[in-house]
Amino acid sequence: MQIDLNNLTGRDWPVRLQDRVPFSEQDDLKISFTATPPATTENLNRQRGVLEWRFDLPAGQTRQVTLETRMQWPEGKELE
């Protein structure tokens, strides 16, 4: 997933972007993610899977945030 942020104004803006990623409550289900750029905060306010980025977005500039999630489940096991 890719999030595009565009500052169409003539001034710089502080940005606070929040998004979420899945998490597992089962030991056998392995979930990992890659965020580019890395999130400033993971598990925001102690909420599992909530990410936050904080940065300044200069006037007329664009910034992209990319999230990739991977899930691994043992073959032959049943997901409950």
N, C-alpha and C. Protein backbone atom coordinates (compact mmCIF):
# COMPACT_ATOMS: atom_id res chain seq x y z
N MET A 1 0.84 -1.16 0.00
CA MET A 1 0.00 0.00 0.00
C MET A 1 0.90 1.24 0.00
N GLN A 2 0.50 2.23 -0.74
CA GLN A 2 1.26 3.48 -0.83
C GLN A 2 0.34 4.65 -0.50
N ILE A 3 0.82 5.53 0.35
CA ILE A 3 0.10 6.74 0.71
C ILE A 3 0.89 7.91 0.15
N ASP A 4 0.24 8.75 -0.67
CA ASP A 4 0.87 9.93 -1.24
C ASP A 4 0.36 11.17 -0.54
N LEU A 5 1.27 12.00 -0.08
CA LEU A 5 0.91 13.26 0.55
C LEU A 5 1.44 14.40 -0.31
N ASN A 6 0.57 15.33 -0.66
CA ASN A 6 0.94 16.46 -1.50
C ASN A 6 0.62 17.76 -0.77
N ASN A 7 1.60 18.63 -0.65
CA ASN A 7 1.36 19.94 -0.06
C ASN A 7 1.14 20.91 -1.23
N LEU A 8 -0.10 21.25 -1.46
CA LEU A 8 -0.46 22.12 -2.58
C LEU A 8 -0.52 23.59 -2.17
N THR A 9 -0.08 23.89 -0.96
CA THR A 9 -0.12 25.27 -0.48
C THR A 9 1.23 25.94 -0.64
N GLY A 10 1.29 27.20 -0.28
CA GLY A 10 2.52 27.96 -0.37
C GLY A 10 3.30 28.02 0.92
N ARG A 11 2.94 27.18 1.90
CA ARG A 11 3.68 27.18 3.17
C ARG A 11 3.97 25.76 3.64
N ASP A 12 4.96 25.62 4.50
CA ASP A 12 5.31 24.32 5.07
C ASP A 12 4.26 23.92 6.11
N TRP A 13 4.02 22.60 6.21
CA TRP A 13 3.04 22.10 7.17
C TRP A 13 3.64 20.94 7.96
N PRO A 14 3.40 20.92 9.28
CA PRO A 14 3.75 19.72 10.04
C PRO A 14 2.71 18.64 9.76
N VAL A 15 3.17 17.41 9.53
CA VAL A 15 2.27 16.30 9.20
C VAL A 15 2.31 15.28 10.32
N ARG A 16 1.14 14.79 10.66
CA ARG A 16 0.99 13.69 11.62
C ARG A 16 0.08 12.67 10.94
N LEU A 17 0.69 11.62 10.40
CA LEU A 17 -0.01 10.58 9.65
C LEU A 17 -0.12 9.33 10.51
N GLN A 18 -1.32 8.77 10.60
CA GLN A 18 -1.52 7.53 11.34
C GLN A 18 -2.15 6.49 10.42
N ASP A 19 -1.69 5.24 10.57
CA ASP A 19 -2.25 4.13 9.83
C ASP A 19 -2.09 2.89 10.70
N ARG A 20 -2.58 1.77 10.22
CA ARG A 20 -2.50 0.56 11.02
C ARG A 20 -2.02 -0.61 10.16
N VAL A 21 -1.47 -1.59 10.85
CA VAL A 21 -1.05 -2.84 10.23
C VAL A 21 -1.68 -3.97 11.04
N PRO A 22 -1.92 -5.13 10.41
CA PRO A 22 -2.50 -6.25 11.16
C PRO A 22 -1.51 -6.79 12.19
N PHE A 23 -2.05 -7.43 13.21
CA PHE A 23 -1.23 -8.12 14.20
C PHE A 23 -1.90 -9.44 14.53
N SER A 24 -1.12 -10.37 15.04
CA SER A 24 -1.63 -11.71 15.31
C SER A 24 -1.84 -11.92 16.80
N GLU A 25 -2.90 -12.66 17.10
CA GLU A 25 -3.13 -13.09 18.48
C GLU A 25 -2.86 -14.60 18.60
N GLN A 26 -2.39 -15.21 17.52
CA GLN A 26 -2.02 -16.62 17.52
C GLN A 26 -0.53 -16.74 17.29
N ASP A 27 0.12 -17.57 18.10
CA ASP A 27 1.58 -17.70 18.02
C ASP A 27 2.05 -18.23 16.67
N ASP A 28 1.26 -19.11 16.04
CA ASP A 28 1.69 -19.71 14.78
C ASP A 28 1.60 -18.76 13.59
N LEU A 29 0.74 -17.77 13.68
CA LEU A 29 0.59 -16.80 12.60
C LEU A 29 1.63 -15.70 12.79
N LYS A 30 2.56 -15.62 11.87
CA LYS A 30 3.63 -14.62 11.94
C LYS A 30 3.30 -13.49 10.96
N ILE A 31 3.20 -12.28 11.48
CA ILE A 31 2.93 -11.11 10.65
C ILE A 31 4.08 -10.13 10.82
N SER A 32 4.62 -9.69 9.70
CA SER A 32 5.68 -8.68 9.73
C SER A 32 5.34 -7.60 8.72
N PHE A 33 5.93 -6.45 8.90
CA PHE A 33 5.68 -5.35 7.97
C PHE A 33 6.95 -4.54 7.78
N THR A 34 6.97 -3.85 6.65
CA THR A 34 8.05 -2.91 6.35
C THR A 34 7.40 -1.58 6.03
N ALA A 35 7.86 -0.52 6.66
CA ALA A 35 7.36 0.82 6.40
C ALA A 35 8.51 1.66 5.87
N THR A 36 8.26 2.35 4.75
CA THR A 36 9.27 3.22 4.16
C THR A 36 8.65 4.59 3.94
N PRO A 37 9.13 5.62 4.61
CA PRO A 37 10.15 5.61 5.66
C PRO A 37 9.62 4.91 6.90
N PRO A 38 10.52 4.52 7.81
CA PRO A 38 10.06 3.87 9.04
C PRO A 38 9.15 4.80 9.83
N ALA A 39 8.17 4.20 10.51
CA ALA A 39 7.25 4.98 11.34
C ALA A 39 8.02 5.64 12.48
N THR A 40 7.58 6.82 12.86
CA THR A 40 8.17 7.52 14.00
C THR A 40 7.80 6.79 15.29
N THR A 41 6.56 6.28 15.36
CA THR A 41 6.06 5.57 16.54
C THR A 41 5.30 4.32 16.11
N GLU A 42 5.56 3.21 16.80
CA GLU A 42 4.79 1.98 16.59
C GLU A 42 3.97 1.73 17.85
N ASN A 43 2.80 1.11 17.69
CA ASN A 43 1.89 0.83 18.80
C ASN A 43 1.55 2.12 19.54
N LEU A 44 1.11 3.10 18.78
CA LEU A 44 0.78 4.42 19.30
C LEU A 44 -0.25 4.32 20.42
N ASN A 45 0.02 4.99 21.51
CA ASN A 45 -0.87 4.99 22.69
C ASN A 45 -1.19 3.57 23.15
N ARG A 46 -0.20 2.69 23.03
CA ARG A 46 -0.32 1.29 23.44
C ARG A 46 -1.39 0.52 22.66
N GLN A 47 -1.70 0.98 21.46
CA GLN A 47 -2.65 0.28 20.60
C GLN A 47 -1.85 -0.54 19.59
N ARG A 48 -1.97 -1.85 19.69
CA ARG A 48 -1.20 -2.73 18.81
C ARG A 48 -1.53 -2.46 17.34
N GLY A 49 -0.49 -2.39 16.53
CA GLY A 49 -0.65 -2.23 15.09
C GLY A 49 -0.88 -0.81 14.61
N VAL A 50 -0.90 0.17 15.50
CA VAL A 50 -1.12 1.55 15.08
C VAL A 50 0.24 2.24 14.92
N LEU A 51 0.46 2.78 13.73
CA LEU A 51 1.72 3.45 13.40
C LEU A 51 1.48 4.95 13.24
N GLU A 52 2.53 5.71 13.50
CA GLU A 52 2.43 7.16 13.29
C GLU A 52 3.74 7.68 12.71
N TRP A 53 3.61 8.58 11.76
CA TRP A 53 4.73 9.30 11.18
C TRP A 53 4.53 10.78 11.49
N ARG A 54 5.61 11.45 11.85
CA ARG A 54 5.59 12.90 12.06
C ARG A 54 6.75 13.50 11.27
N PHE A 55 6.42 14.47 10.43
CA PHE A 55 7.46 15.14 9.65
C PHE A 55 6.89 16.44 9.12
N ASP A 56 7.78 17.31 8.66
CA ASP A 56 7.37 18.55 8.02
C ASP A 56 7.30 18.31 6.52
N LEU A 57 6.24 18.82 5.90
CA LEU A 57 6.08 18.72 4.45
C LEU A 57 6.20 20.12 3.86
N PRO A 58 7.34 20.41 3.20
CA PRO A 58 7.56 21.75 2.65
C PRO A 58 6.53 22.11 1.57
N ALA A 59 6.36 23.40 1.39
CA ALA A 59 5.42 23.92 0.39
C ALA A 59 5.72 23.32 -0.98
N GLY A 60 4.66 22.86 -1.67
CA GLY A 60 4.79 22.33 -3.02
C GLY A 60 5.44 20.97 -3.13
N GLN A 61 5.75 20.33 -2.01
CA GLN A 61 6.44 19.03 -2.05
C GLN A 61 5.48 17.87 -1.91
N THR A 62 5.96 16.69 -2.29
CA THR A 62 5.22 15.44 -2.19
C THR A 62 6.05 14.46 -1.39
N ARG A 63 5.37 13.63 -0.61
CA ARG A 63 6.05 12.59 0.16
C ARG A 63 5.23 11.31 0.07
N GLN A 64 5.92 10.19 -0.02
CA GLN A 64 5.25 8.89 -0.08
C GLN A 64 5.59 8.06 1.14
N VAL A 65 4.60 7.34 1.62
CA VAL A 65 4.79 6.36 2.69
C VAL A 65 4.30 5.03 2.13
N THR A 66 5.14 4.01 2.23
CA THR A 66 4.81 2.69 1.69
C THR A 66 4.80 1.67 2.82
N LEU A 67 3.75 0.85 2.86
CA LEU A 67 3.63 -0.23 3.83
C LEU A 67 3.51 -1.56 3.09
N GLU A 68 4.31 -2.53 3.50
CA GLU A 68 4.22 -3.88 2.96
C GLU A 68 4.04 -4.83 4.13
N THR A 69 3.04 -5.71 4.04
CA THR A 69 2.75 -6.66 5.11
C THR A 69 2.94 -8.08 4.59
N ARG A 70 3.56 -8.91 5.43
CA ARG A 70 3.76 -10.32 5.09
C ARG A 70 3.17 -11.18 6.21
N MET A 71 2.46 -12.25 5.82
CA MET A 71 1.89 -13.19 6.78
C MET A 71 2.40 -14.59 6.48
N GLN A 72 2.78 -15.32 7.53
CA GLN A 72 3.25 -16.69 7.37
C GLN A 72 2.46 -17.59 8.31
N TRP A 73 1.93 -18.66 7.73
CA TRP A 73 1.15 -19.63 8.49
C TRP A 73 1.70 -21.01 8.17
N PRO A 74 1.97 -21.84 9.18
CA PRO A 74 2.53 -23.17 8.91
C PRO A 74 1.60 -24.01 8.03
N GLU A 75 2.17 -24.61 7.02
CA GLU A 75 1.39 -25.45 6.11
C GLU A 75 0.82 -26.64 6.87
N GLY A 76 -0.44 -26.94 6.59
CA GLY A 76 -1.09 -28.07 7.24
C GLY A 76 -1.81 -27.71 8.53
N LYS A 77 -1.61 -26.51 9.02
CA LYS A 77 -2.31 -26.09 10.23
C LYS A 77 -3.55 -25.32 9.85
N GLU A 78 -4.55 -25.36 10.72
CA GLU A 78 -5.80 -24.68 10.46
C GLU A 78 -5.84 -23.33 11.19
N LEU A 79 -6.14 -22.28 10.48
CA LEU A 79 -6.23 -20.94 11.06
C LEU A 79 -7.58 -20.80 11.74
N GLU A 80 -7.57 -20.44 13.01
CA GLU A 80 -8.82 -20.28 13.77
C GLU A 80 -9.11 -18.84 14.04
